[in-house]
Amino acid sequence: MNTEDYLWIVAGMGIVTYLPRWLPLAALNRTPMPEWLCRWLDLIPSAILGALLFPAVWTTGSPKHFMVLHPASLAAIPALWTAIKTRSLGWTAVIGMAVYWLLETWAPAWMHTP
């Protein structure tokens, strides 16, 4: 493949990525939405975050299997507590990363991914 082919591929990927984001925005831009739909749409970021985080925190290995006692799942506990108590994304991230680092550095070997 030559350079022009690669440019067409990248342009095509950009269009395919951009259109699904732009079309709903353009279609709903001037249309008032019902209140129930707005409340429902407000829940989507939380649901997506949960769907992305759950496998990363509670599964490990290859093939993936559920594991409770490994550094990521144990670091999630103080991070969750910090999030609830402080309502601060910054402190939650700092505490979660610090506990994860401590567990990765000092945890017994059986805690790590096989």
PDB file of N, CA and C in Angstrom:
ATOM      1  N   MET A   1       0.847  -1.185   0.000  1.00  0.00           N
ATOM      2  CA  MET A   1       0.000   0.000   0.000  1.00  0.00           C
ATOM      3  C   MET A   1       0.885   1.239   0.000  1.00  0.00           C
ATOM      4  N   ASN A   2       0.435   2.230  -0.736  1.00  0.00           N
ATOM      5  CA  ASN A   2       1.215   3.460  -0.787  1.00  0.00           C
ATOM      6  C   ASN A   2       0.647   4.495   0.192  1.00  0.00           C
ATOM      7  N   THR A   3       1.279   5.633   0.248  1.00  0.00           N
ATOM      8  CA  THR A   3       0.909   6.676   1.204  1.00  0.00           C
ATOM      9  C   THR A   3      -0.512   7.161   0.979  1.00  0.00           C
ATOM     10  N   GLU A   4      -0.929   7.273  -0.264  1.00  0.00           N
ATOM     11  CA  GLU A   4      -2.277   7.749  -0.559  1.00  0.00           C
ATOM     12  C   GLU A   4      -3.333   6.786  -0.015  1.00  0.00           C
ATOM     13  N   ASP A   5      -3.071   5.502  -0.119  1.00  0.00           N
ATOM     14  CA  ASP A   5      -4.007   4.514   0.421  1.00  0.00           C
ATOM     15  C   ASP A   5      -4.150   4.673   1.931  1.00  0.00           C
ATOM     16  N   TYR A   6      -3.036   4.884   2.606  1.00  0.00           N
ATOM     17  CA  TYR A   6      -3.083   5.072   4.051  1.00  0.00           C
ATOM     18  C   TYR A   6      -3.860   6.337   4.413  1.00  0.00           C
ATOM     19  N   LEU A   7      -3.669   7.406   3.647  1.00  0.00           N
ATOM     20  CA  LEU A   7      -4.407   8.637   3.920  1.00  0.00           C
ATOM     21  C   LEU A   7      -5.906   8.423   3.746  1.00  0.00           C
ATOM     22  N   TRP A   8      -6.317   7.677   2.717  1.00  0.00           N
ATOM     23  CA  TRP A   8      -7.734   7.376   2.517  1.00  0.00           C
ATOM     24  C   TRP A   8      -8.286   6.534   3.667  1.00  0.00           C
ATOM     25  N   ILE A   9      -7.506   5.595   4.142  1.00  0.00           N
ATOM     26  CA  ILE A   9      -7.934   4.758   5.270  1.00  0.00           C
ATOM     27  C   ILE A   9      -8.119   5.602   6.523  1.00  0.00           C
ATOM     28  N   VAL A  10      -7.161   6.474   6.819  1.00  0.00           N
ATOM     29  CA  VAL A  10      -7.254   7.336   7.999  1.00  0.00           C
ATOM     30  C   VAL A  10      -8.441   8.290   7.859  1.00  0.00           C
ATOM     31  N   ALA A  11      -8.646   8.862   6.675  1.00  0.00           N
ATOM     32  CA  ALA A  11      -9.789   9.750   6.457  1.00  0.00           C
ATOM     33  C   ALA A  11     -11.100   8.985   6.645  1.00  0.00           C
ATOM     34  N   GLY A  12     -11.178   7.777   6.133  1.00  0.00           N
ATOM     35  CA  GLY A  12     -12.381   6.958   6.302  1.00  0.00           C
ATOM     36  C   GLY A  12     -12.644   6.633   7.766  1.00  0.00           C
ATOM     37  N   MET A  13     -11.593   6.294   8.497  1.00  0.00           N
ATOM     38  CA  MET A  13     -11.765   6.009   9.921  1.00  0.00           C
ATOM     39  C   MET A  13     -12.229   7.259  10.675  1.00  0.00           C
ATOM     40  N   GLY A  14     -11.717   8.402  10.288  1.00  0.00           N
ATOM     41  CA  GLY A  14     -12.145   9.641  10.926  1.00  0.00           C
ATOM     42  C   GLY A  14     -13.612   9.927  10.679  1.00  0.00           C
ATOM     43  N   ILE A  15     -14.069   9.727   9.453  1.00  0.00           N
ATOM     44  CA  ILE A  15     -15.477   9.953   9.121  1.00  0.00           C
ATOM     45  C   ILE A  15     -16.367   8.971   9.880  1.00  0.00           C
ATOM     46  N   VAL A  16     -15.978   7.703   9.884  1.00  0.00           N
ATOM     47  CA  VAL A  16     -16.780   6.686  10.571  1.00  0.00           C
ATOM     48  C   VAL A  16     -16.819   6.948  12.078  1.00  0.00           C
ATOM     49  N   THR A  17     -15.775   7.513  12.626  1.00  0.00           N
ATOM     50  CA  THR A  17     -15.750   7.828  14.053  1.00  0.00           C
ATOM     51  C   THR A  17     -16.538   9.101  14.351  1.00  0.00           C
ATOM     52  N   TYR A  18     -16.464  10.080  13.475  1.00  0.00           N
ATOM     53  CA  TYR A  18     -17.076  11.380  13.721  1.00  0.00           C
ATOM     54  C   TYR A  18     -18.586  11.373  13.490  1.00  0.00           C
ATOM     55  N   LEU A  19     -19.056  10.715  12.451  1.00  0.00           N
ATOM     56  CA  LEU A  19     -20.477  10.749  12.102  1.00  0.00           C
ATOM     57  C   LEU A  19     -21.402  10.250  13.219  1.00  0.00           C
ATOM     58  N   PRO A  20     -21.131   9.117  13.860  1.00  0.00           N
ATOM     59  CA  PRO A  20     -22.053   8.689  14.926  1.00  0.00           C
ATOM     60  C   PRO A  20     -22.123   9.658  16.100  1.00  0.00           C
ATOM     61  N   ARG A  21     -21.128  10.485  16.275  1.00  0.00           N
ATOM     62  CA  ARG A  21     -21.173  11.489  17.338  1.00  0.00           C
ATOM     63  C   ARG A  21     -21.881  12.758  16.875  1.00  0.00           C
ATOM     64  N   TRP A  22     -21.707  13.095  15.623  1.00  0.00           N
ATOM     65  CA  TRP A  22     -22.256  14.343  15.117  1.00  0.00           C
ATOM     66  C   TRP A  22     -23.734  14.237  14.763  1.00  0.00           C
ATOM     67  N   LEU A  23     -24.164  13.134  14.171  1.00  0.00           N
ATOM     68  CA  LEU A  23     -25.551  13.013  13.716  1.00  0.00           C
ATOM     69  C   LEU A  23     -26.573  13.195  14.842  1.00  0.00           C
ATOM     70  N   PRO A  24     -26.461  12.510  15.978  1.00  0.00           N
ATOM     71  CA  PRO A  24     -27.442  12.762  17.041  1.00  0.00           C
ATOM     72  C   PRO A  24     -27.392  14.198  17.562  1.00  0.00           C
ATOM     73  N   LEU A  25     -26.200  14.747  17.643  1.00  0.00           N
ATOM     74  CA  LEU A  25     -26.075  16.124  18.105  1.00  0.00           C
ATOM     75  C   LEU A  25     -26.780  17.077  17.146  1.00  0.00           C
ATOM     76  N   ALA A  26     -26.590  16.887  15.867  1.00  0.00           N
ATOM     77  CA  ALA A  26     -27.236  17.742  14.872  1.00  0.00           C
ATOM     78  C   ALA A  26     -28.744  17.538  14.858  1.00  0.00           C
ATOM     79  N   ALA A  27     -29.190  16.296  15.028  1.00  0.00           N
ATOM     80  CA  ALA A  27     -30.628  16.006  14.976  1.00  0.00           C
ATOM     81  C   ALA A  27     -31.357  16.525  16.217  1.00  0.00           C
ATOM     82  N   LEU A  28     -30.726  16.464  17.369  1.00  0.00           N
ATOM     83  CA  LEU A  28     -31.385  16.852  18.616  1.00  0.00           C
ATOM     84  C   LEU A  28     -31.051  18.264  19.069  1.00  0.00           C
ATOM     85  N   ASN A  29     -30.280  18.979  18.298  1.00  0.00           N
ATOM     86  CA  ASN A  29     -29.815  20.303  18.699  1.00  0.00           C
ATOM     87  C   ASN A  29     -30.960  21.285  18.935  1.00  0.00           C
ATOM     88  N   ARG A  30     -31.940  21.284  18.088  1.00  0.00           N
ATOM     89  CA  ARG A  30     -33.026  22.262  18.186  1.00  0.00           C
ATOM     90  C   ARG A  30     -34.336  21.641  18.667  1.00  0.00           C
ATOM     91  N   THR A  31     -34.313  20.371  18.983  1.00  0.00           N
ATOM     92  CA  THR A  31     -35.520  19.682  19.417  1.00  0.00           C
ATOM     93  C   THR A  31     -35.552  19.601  20.935  1.00  0.00           C
ATOM     94  N   PRO A  32     -36.610  20.107  21.556  1.00  0.00           N
ATOM     95  CA  PRO A  32     -36.689  19.967  23.014  1.00  0.00           C
ATOM     96  C   PRO A  32     -36.942  18.505  23.388  1.00  0.00           C
ATOM     97  N   MET A  33     -36.209  18.035  24.394  1.00  0.00           N
ATOM     98  CA  MET A  33     -36.368  16.651  24.817  1.00  0.00           C
ATOM     99  C   MET A  33     -37.246  16.600  26.064  1.00  0.00           C
ATOM    100  N   PRO A  34     -38.025  15.529  26.213  1.00  0.00           N
ATOM    101  CA  PRO A  34     -38.836  15.397  27.425  1.00  0.00           C
ATOM    102  C   PRO A  34     -37.943  15.259  28.663  1.00  0.00           C
ATOM    103  N   GLU A  35     -38.472  15.659  29.800  1.00  0.00           N
ATOM    104  CA  GLU A  35     -37.705  15.636  31.040  1.00  0.00           C
ATOM    105  C   GLU A  35     -37.261  14.227  31.409  1.00  0.00           C
ATOM    106  N   TRP A  36     -38.123  13.227  31.195  1.00  0.00           N
ATOM    107  CA  TRP A  36     -37.751  11.845  31.545  1.00  0.00           C
ATOM    108  C   TRP A  36     -36.561  11.379  30.721  1.00  0.00           C
ATOM    109  N   LEU A  37     -36.474  11.815  29.450  1.00  0.00           N
ATOM    110  CA  LEU A  37     -35.355  11.427  28.598  1.00  0.00           C
ATOM    111  C   LEU A  37     -34.063  12.099  29.074  1.00  0.00           C
ATOM    112  N   CYS A  38     -34.148  13.342  29.484  1.00  0.00           N
ATOM    113  CA  CYS A  38     -32.964  14.040  30.011  1.00  0.00           C
ATOM    114  C   CYS A  38     -32.454  13.364  31.271  1.00  0.00           C
ATOM    115  N   ARG A  39     -33.375  12.970  32.177  1.00  0.00           N
ATOM    116  CA  ARG A  39     -32.953  12.276  33.401  1.00  0.00           C
ATOM    117  C   ARG A  39     -32.313  10.932  33.061  1.00  0.00           C
ATOM    118  N   TRP A  40     -32.875  10.230  32.099  1.00  0.00           N
ATOM    119  CA  TRP A  40     -32.340   8.928  31.694  1.00  0.00           C
ATOM    120  C   TRP A  40     -30.950   9.091  31.065  1.00  0.00           C
ATOM    121  N   LEU A  41     -30.787  10.106  30.216  1.00  0.00           N
ATOM    122  CA  LEU A  41     -29.500  10.345  29.571  1.00  0.00           C
ATOM    123  C   LEU A  41     -28.423  10.750  30.576  1.00  0.00           C
ATOM    124  N   ASP A  42     -28.826  11.383  31.679  1.00  0.00           N
ATOM    125  CA  ASP A  42     -27.857  11.746  32.723  1.00  0.00           C
ATOM    126  C   ASP A  42     -27.236  10.515  33.374  1.00  0.00           C
ATOM    127  N   LEU A  43     -27.908   9.376  33.338  1.00  0.00           N
ATOM    128  CA  LEU A  43     -27.399   8.153  33.961  1.00  0.00           C
ATOM    129  C   LEU A  43     -26.388   7.411  33.080  1.00  0.00           C
ATOM    130  N   ILE A  44     -26.368   7.698  31.812  1.00  0.00           N
ATOM    131  CA  ILE A  44     -25.523   6.941  30.883  1.00  0.00           C
ATOM    132  C   ILE A  44     -24.027   7.045  31.204  1.00  0.00           C
ATOM    133  N   PRO A  45     -23.465   8.217  31.502  1.00  0.00           N
ATOM    134  CA  PRO A  45     -22.026   8.244  31.816  1.00  0.00           C
ATOM    135  C   PRO A  45     -21.659   7.346  32.990  1.00  0.00           C
ATOM    136  N   SER A  46     -22.492   7.301  34.024  1.00  0.00           N
ATOM    137  CA  SER A  46     -22.206   6.430  35.167  1.00  0.00           C
ATOM    138  C   SER A  46     -22.259   4.967  34.765  1.00  0.00           C
ATOM    139  N   ALA A  47     -23.242   4.614  33.945  1.00  0.00           N
ATOM    140  CA  ALA A  47     -23.366   3.222  33.508  1.00  0.00           C
ATOM    141  C   ALA A  47     -22.178   2.812  32.643  1.00  0.00           C
ATOM    142  N   ILE A  48     -21.738   3.699  31.770  1.00  0.00           N
ATOM    143  CA  ILE A  48     -20.590   3.391  30.910  1.00  0.00           C
ATOM    144  C   ILE A  48     -19.326   3.262  31.750  1.00  0.00           C
ATOM    145  N   LEU A  49     -19.147   4.159  32.708  1.00  0.00           N
ATOM    146  CA  LEU A  49     -17.979   4.084  33.571  1.00  0.00           C
ATOM    147  C   LEU A  49     -17.965   2.762  34.335  1.00  0.00           C
ATOM    148  N   GLY A  50     -19.104   2.366  34.868  1.00  0.00           N
ATOM    149  CA  GLY A  50     -19.186   1.093  35.575  1.00  0.00           C
ATOM    150  C   GLY A  50     -18.883  -0.086  34.676  1.00  0.00           C
ATOM    151  N   ALA A  51     -19.404  -0.051  33.463  1.00  0.00           N
ATOM    152  CA  ALA A  51     -19.154  -1.144  32.516  1.00  0.00           C
ATOM    153  C   ALA A  51     -17.687  -1.222  32.109  1.00  0.00           C
ATOM    154  N   LEU A  52     -17.002  -0.097  32.071  1.00  0.00           N
ATOM    155  CA  LEU A  52     -15.583  -0.104  31.739  1.00  0.00           C
ATOM    156  C   LEU A  52     -14.708  -0.501  32.922  1.00  0.00           C
ATOM    157  N   LEU A  53     -15.084  -0.064  34.118  1.00  0.00           N
ATOM    158  CA  LEU A  53     -14.248  -0.312  35.288  1.00  0.00           C
ATOM    159  C   LEU A  53     -14.396  -1.713  35.863  1.00  0.00           C
ATOM    160  N   PHE A  54     -15.596  -2.277  35.837  1.00  0.00           N
ATOM    161  CA  PHE A  54     -15.810  -3.571  36.482  1.00  0.00           C
ATOM    162  C   PHE A  54     -14.858  -4.647  35.972  1.00  0.00           C
ATOM    163  N   PRO A  55     -14.740  -4.861  34.660  1.00  0.00           N
ATOM    164  CA  PRO A  55     -13.806  -5.902  34.208  1.00  0.00           C
ATOM    165  C   PRO A  55     -12.351  -5.582  34.549  1.00  0.00           C
ATOM    166  N   ALA A  56     -11.981  -4.316  34.521  1.00  0.00           N
ATOM    167  CA  ALA A  56     -10.594  -3.952  34.808  1.00  0.00           C
ATOM    168  C   ALA A  56     -10.247  -4.169  36.274  1.00  0.00           C
ATOM    169  N   VAL A  57     -11.218  -3.971  37.165  1.00  0.00           N
ATOM    170  CA  VAL A  57     -10.953  -4.062  38.594  1.00  0.00           C
ATOM    171  C   VAL A  57     -11.144  -5.482  39.124  1.00  0.00           C
ATOM    172  N   TRP A  58     -12.138  -6.196  38.644  1.00  0.00           N
ATOM    173  CA  TRP A  58     -12.509  -7.470  39.266  1.00  0.00           C
ATOM    174  C   TRP A  58     -12.128  -8.703  38.462  1.00  0.00           C
ATOM    175  N   THR A  59     -11.543  -8.548  37.304  1.00  0.00           N
ATOM    176  CA  THR A  59     -11.097  -9.718  36.554  1.00  0.00           C
ATOM    177  C   THR A  59      -9.603  -9.604  36.287  1.00  0.00           C
ATOM    178  N   THR A  60      -8.978 -10.749  36.097  1.00  0.00           N
ATOM    179  CA  THR A  60      -7.534 -10.765  35.877  1.00  0.00           C
ATOM    180  C   THR A  60      -7.161 -11.993  35.071  1.00  0.00           C
ATOM    181  N   GLY A  61      -5.952 -12.006  34.582  1.00  0.00           N
ATOM    182  CA  GLY A  61      -5.427 -13.173  33.889  1.00  0.00           C
ATOM    183  C   GLY A  61      -5.829 -13.250  32.431  1.00  0.00           C
ATOM    184  N   SER A  62      -5.350 -14.320  31.803  1.00  0.00           N
ATOM    185  CA  SER A  62      -5.695 -14.579  30.412  1.00  0.00           C
ATOM    186  C   SER A  62      -5.877 -16.079  30.267  1.00  0.00           C
ATOM    187  N   PRO A  63      -7.051 -16.564  30.062  1.00  0.00           N
ATOM    188  CA  PRO A  63      -8.316 -15.854  29.859  1.00  0.00           C
ATOM    189  C   PRO A  63      -8.792 -15.196  31.159  1.00  0.00           C
ATOM    190  N   LYS A  64      -9.623 -14.183  30.995  1.00  0.00           N
ATOM    191  CA  LYS A  64     -10.088 -13.420  32.150  1.00  0.00           C
ATOM    192  C   LYS A  64     -10.883 -14.302  33.108  1.00  0.00           C
ATOM    193  N   HIS A  65     -10.641 -14.120  34.389  1.00  0.00           N
ATOM    194  CA  HIS A  65     -11.432 -14.782  35.411  1.00  0.00           C
ATOM    195  C   HIS A  65     -11.614 -13.828  36.587  1.00  0.00           C
ATOM    196  N   PHE A  66     -12.716 -14.033  37.303  1.00  0.00           N
ATOM    197  CA  PHE A  66     -13.066 -13.182  38.438  1.00  0.00           C
ATOM    198  C   PHE A  66     -12.104 -13.453  39.592  1.00  0.00           C
ATOM    199  N   MET A  67     -11.555 -12.381  40.165  1.00  0.00           N
ATOM    200  CA  MET A  67     -10.635 -12.531  41.290  1.00  0.00           C
ATOM    201  C   MET A  67     -10.828 -11.359  42.237  1.00  0.00           C
ATOM    202  N   VAL A  68     -11.101 -11.655  43.501  1.00  0.00           N
ATOM    203  CA  VAL A  68     -11.379 -10.601  44.469  1.00  0.00           C
ATOM    204  C   VAL A  68     -10.098 -10.042  45.070  1.00  0.00           C
ATOM    205  N   LEU A  69      -9.168 -10.904  45.422  1.00  0.00           N
ATOM    206  CA  LEU A  69      -7.975 -10.448  46.133  1.00  0.00           C
ATOM    207  C   LEU A  69      -6.795 -10.227  45.196  1.00  0.00           C
ATOM    208  N   HIS A  70      -6.848  -9.152  44.475  1.00  0.00           N
ATOM    209  CA  HIS A  70      -5.679  -8.717  43.719  1.00  0.00           C
ATOM    210  C   HIS A  70      -5.574  -7.202  43.861  1.00  0.00           C
ATOM    211  N   PRO A  71      -4.425  -6.611  43.565  1.00  0.00           N
ATOM    212  CA  PRO A  71      -4.197  -5.192  43.884  1.00  0.00           C
ATOM    213  C   PRO A  71      -5.257  -4.231  43.357  1.00  0.00           C
ATOM    214  N   ALA A  72      -5.750  -4.417  42.155  1.00  0.00           N
ATOM    215  CA  ALA A  72      -6.722  -3.462  41.611  1.00  0.00           C
ATOM    216  C   ALA A  72      -8.032  -3.488  42.404  1.00  0.00           C
ATOM    217  N   SER A  73      -8.514  -4.687  42.740  1.00  0.00           N
ATOM    218  CA  SER A  73      -9.783  -4.757  43.472  1.00  0.00           C
ATOM    219  C   SER A  73      -9.619  -4.269  44.909  1.00  0.00           C
ATOM    220  N   LEU A  74      -8.485  -4.540  45.521  1.00  0.00           N
ATOM    221  CA  LEU A  74      -8.264  -4.056  46.884  1.00  0.00           C
ATOM    222  C   LEU A  74      -8.043  -2.540  46.919  1.00  0.00           C
ATOM    223  N   ALA A  75      -7.435  -1.988  45.898  1.00  0.00           N
ATOM    224  CA  ALA A  75      -7.247  -0.528  45.835  1.00  0.00           C
ATOM    225  C   ALA A  75      -8.571   0.187  45.572  1.00  0.00           C
ATOM    226  N   ALA A  76      -9.532  -0.505  44.983  1.00  0.00           N
ATOM    227  CA  ALA A  76     -10.831   0.104  44.707  1.00  0.00           C
ATOM    228  C   ALA A  76     -11.592   0.411  45.994  1.00  0.00           C
ATOM    229  N   ILE A  77     -11.335  -0.344  47.046  1.00  0.00           N
ATOM    230  CA  ILE A  77     -12.078  -0.153  48.306  1.00  0.00           C
ATOM    231  C   ILE A  77     -11.753   1.193  48.945  1.00  0.00           C
ATOM    232  N   PRO A  78     -10.474   1.536  49.211  1.00  0.00           N
ATOM    233  CA  PRO A  78     -10.219   2.876  49.762  1.00  0.00           C
ATOM    234  C   PRO A  78     -10.537   3.999  48.770  1.00  0.00           C
ATOM    235  N   ALA A  79     -10.414   3.728  47.485  1.00  0.00           N
ATOM    236  CA  ALA A  79     -10.764   4.752  46.493  1.00  0.00           C
ATOM    237  C   ALA A  79     -12.265   5.044  46.553  1.00  0.00           C
ATOM    238  N   LEU A  80     -13.073   4.002  46.667  1.00  0.00           N
ATOM    239  CA  LEU A  80     -14.523   4.190  46.778  1.00  0.00           C
ATOM    240  C   LEU A  80     -14.870   4.931  48.056  1.00  0.00           C
ATOM    241  N   TRP A  81     -14.241   4.557  49.162  1.00  0.00           N
ATOM    242  CA  TRP A  81     -14.484   5.234  50.431  1.00  0.00           C
ATOM    243  C   TRP A  81     -14.122   6.723  50.324  1.00  0.00           C
ATOM    244  N   THR A  82     -12.979   7.018  49.698  1.00  0.00           N
ATOM    245  CA  THR A  82     -12.551   8.407  49.511  1.00  0.00           C
ATOM    246  C   THR A  82     -13.547   9.170  48.642  1.00  0.00           C
ATOM    247  N   ALA A  83     -14.032   8.526  47.587  1.00  0.00           N
ATOM    248  CA  ALA A  83     -15.001   9.182  46.702  1.00  0.00           C
ATOM    249  C   ALA A  83     -16.283   9.525  47.450  1.00  0.00           C
ATOM    250  N   ILE A  84     -16.750   8.601  48.281  1.00  0.00           N
ATOM    251  CA  ILE A  84     -17.988   8.835  49.025  1.00  0.00           C
ATOM    252  C   ILE A  84     -17.798   9.937  50.068  1.00  0.00           C
ATOM    253  N   LYS A  85     -16.682   9.909  50.778  1.00  0.00           N
ATOM    254  CA  LYS A  85     -16.457  10.872  51.857  1.00  0.00           C
ATOM    255  C   LYS A  85     -16.110  12.270  51.357  1.00  0.00           C
ATOM    256  N   THR A  86     -15.263  12.358  50.323  1.00  0.00           N
ATOM    257  CA  THR A  86     -14.785  13.680  49.909  1.00  0.00           C
ATOM    258  C   THR A  86     -15.509  14.241  48.690  1.00  0.00           C
ATOM    259  N   ARG A  87     -16.103  13.370  47.899  1.00  0.00           N
ATOM    260  CA  ARG A  87     -16.721  13.787  46.623  1.00  0.00           C
ATOM    261  C   ARG A  87     -15.718  14.521  45.731  1.00  0.00           C
ATOM    262  N   SER A  88     -14.458  14.122  45.841  1.00  0.00           N
ATOM    263  CA  SER A  88     -13.384  14.766  45.085  1.00  0.00           C
ATOM    264  C   SER A  88     -12.753  13.745  44.147  1.00  0.00           C
ATOM    265  N   LEU A  89     -12.824  14.020  42.860  1.00  0.00           N
ATOM    266  CA  LEU A  89     -12.220  13.126  41.875  1.00  0.00           C
ATOM    267  C   LEU A  89     -10.706  13.095  42.038  1.00  0.00           C
ATOM    268  N   GLY A  90     -10.114  14.223  42.344  1.00  0.00           N
ATOM    269  CA  GLY A  90      -8.660  14.291  42.515  1.00  0.00           C
ATOM    270  C   GLY A  90      -8.176  13.415  43.654  1.00  0.00           C
ATOM    271  N   TRP A  91      -8.796  13.570  44.839  1.00  0.00           N
ATOM    272  CA  TRP A  91      -8.378  12.757  45.983  1.00  0.00           C
ATOM    273  C   TRP A  91      -8.669  11.279  45.757  1.00  0.00           C
ATOM    274  N   THR A  92      -9.761  10.991  45.106  1.00  0.00           N
ATOM    275  CA  THR A  92     -10.087   9.593  44.813  1.00  0.00           C
ATOM    276  C   THR A  92      -9.018   8.967  43.937  1.00  0.00           C
ATOM    277  N   ALA A  93      -8.596   9.675  42.903  1.00  0.00           N
ATOM    278  CA  ALA A  93      -7.562   9.154  42.008  1.00  0.00           C
ATOM    279  C   ALA A  93      -6.229   9.006  42.736  1.00  0.00           C
ATOM    280  N   VAL A  94      -5.864   9.995  43.545  1.00  0.00           N
ATOM    281  CA  VAL A  94      -4.592   9.934  44.269  1.00  0.00           C
ATOM    282  C   VAL A  94      -4.584   8.763  45.246  1.00  0.00           C
ATOM    283  N   ILE A  95      -5.630   8.607  46.027  1.00  0.00           N
ATOM    284  CA  ILE A  95      -5.701   7.511  46.992  1.00  0.00           C
ATOM    285  C   ILE A  95      -5.712   6.165  46.278  1.00  0.00           C
ATOM    286  N   GLY A  96      -6.517   6.045  45.228  1.00  0.00           N
ATOM    287  CA  GLY A  96      -6.572   4.786  44.484  1.00  0.00           C
ATOM    288  C   GLY A  96      -5.236   4.405  43.883  1.00  0.00           C
ATOM    289  N   MET A  97      -4.557   5.372  43.274  1.00  0.00           N
ATOM    290  CA  MET A  97      -3.249   5.076  42.672  1.00  0.00           C
ATOM    291  C   MET A  97      -2.193   4.772  43.730  1.00  0.00           C
ATOM    292  N   ALA A  98      -2.232   5.487  44.847  1.00  0.00           N
ATOM    293  CA  ALA A  98      -1.247   5.244  45.905  1.00  0.00           C
ATOM    294  C   ALA A  98      -1.423   3.852  46.509  1.00  0.00           C
ATOM    295  N   VAL A  99      -2.661   3.473  46.795  1.00  0.00           N
ATOM    296  CA  VAL A  99      -2.906   2.151  47.366  1.00  0.00           C
ATOM    297  C   VAL A  99      -2.557   1.071  46.352  1.00  0.00           C
ATOM    298  N   TYR A 100      -2.901   1.289  45.087  1.00  0.00           N
ATOM    299  CA  TYR A 100      -2.556   0.313  44.052  1.00  0.00           C
ATOM    300  C   TYR A 100      -1.032   0.142  43.957  1.00  0.00           C
ATOM    301  N   TRP A 101      -0.305   1.246  43.984  1.00  0.00           N
ATOM    302  CA  TRP A 101       1.152   1.180  43.917  1.00  0.00           C
ATOM    303  C   TRP A 101       1.717   0.425  45.114  1.00  0.00           C
ATOM    304  N   LEU A 102       1.215   0.744  46.300  1.00  0.00           N
ATOM    305  CA  LEU A 102       1.682   0.041  47.495  1.00  0.00           C
ATOM    306  C   LEU A 102       1.421  -1.455  47.399  1.00  0.00           C
ATOM    307  N   LEU A 103       0.238  -1.836  46.944  1.00  0.00           N
ATOM    308  CA  LEU A 103      -0.092  -3.250  46.827  1.00  0.00           C
ATOM    309  C   LEU A 103       0.746  -3.933  45.748  1.00  0.00           C
ATOM    310  N   GLU A 104       0.952  -3.258  44.630  1.00  0.00           N
ATOM    311  CA  GLU A 104       1.778  -3.849  43.566  1.00  0.00           C
ATOM    312  C   GLU A 104       3.222  -4.003  44.020  1.00  0.00           C
ATOM    313  N   THR A 105       3.689  -3.063  44.830  1.00  0.00           N
ATOM    314  CA  THR A 105       5.076  -3.085  45.272  1.00  0.00           C
ATOM    315  C   THR A 105       5.302  -4.052  46.429  1.00  0.00           C
ATOM    316  N   TRP A 106       4.391  -4.059  47.395  1.00  0.00           N
ATOM    317  CA  TRP A 106       4.646  -4.772  48.640  1.00  0.00           C
ATOM    318  C   TRP A 106       3.732  -5.967  48.895  1.00  0.00           C
ATOM    319  N   ALA A 107       2.749  -6.193  48.049  1.00  0.00           N
ATOM    320  CA  ALA A 107       1.818  -7.306  48.297  1.00  0.00           C
ATOM    321  C   ALA A 107       2.496  -8.650  48.110  1.00  0.00           C
ATOM    322  N   PRO A 108       1.999  -9.675  48.794  1.00  0.00           N
ATOM    323  CA  PRO A 108       2.568 -11.023  48.597  1.00  0.00           C
ATOM    324  C   PRO A 108       2.380 -11.499  47.163  1.00  0.00           C
ATOM    325  N   ALA A 109       3.180 -12.439  46.758  1.00  0.00           N
ATOM    326  CA  ALA A 109       3.177 -12.916  45.377  1.00  0.00           C
ATOM    327  C   ALA A 109       1.836 -13.517  44.967  1.00  0.00           C
ATOM    328  N   TRP A 110       1.102 -14.147  45.895  1.00  0.00           N
ATOM    329  CA  TRP A 110      -0.158 -14.785  45.527  1.00  0.00           C
ATOM    330  C   TRP A 110      -1.230 -13.789  45.108  1.00  0.00           C
ATOM    331  N   MET A 111      -1.032 -12.501  45.427  1.00  0.00           N
ATOM    332  CA  MET A 111      -2.012 -11.483  45.043  1.00  0.00           C
ATOM    333  C   MET A 111      -1.880 -11.067  43.579  1.00  0.00           C
ATOM    334  N   HIS A 112      -0.765 -11.300  42.987  1.00  0.00           N
ATOM    335  CA  HIS A 112      -0.533 -10.808  41.629  1.00  0.00           C
ATOM    336  C   HIS A 112      -1.106 -11.747  40.598  1.00  0.00           C
ATOM    337  N   THR A 113      -1.307 -11.205  39.425  1.00  0.00           N
ATOM    338  CA  THR A 113      -1.881 -11.960  38.318  1.00  0.00           C
ATOM    339  C   THR A 113      -1.019 -13.179  38.013  1.00  0.00           C
ATOM    340  N   PRO A 114      -1.665 -14.341  37.891  1.00  0.00           N
ATOM    341  CA  PRO A 114      -0.886 -15.547  37.589  1.00  0.00           C
ATOM    342  C   PRO A 114      -0.268 -15.521  36.204  1.00  0.00           C
TER     343      PRO A 114
END
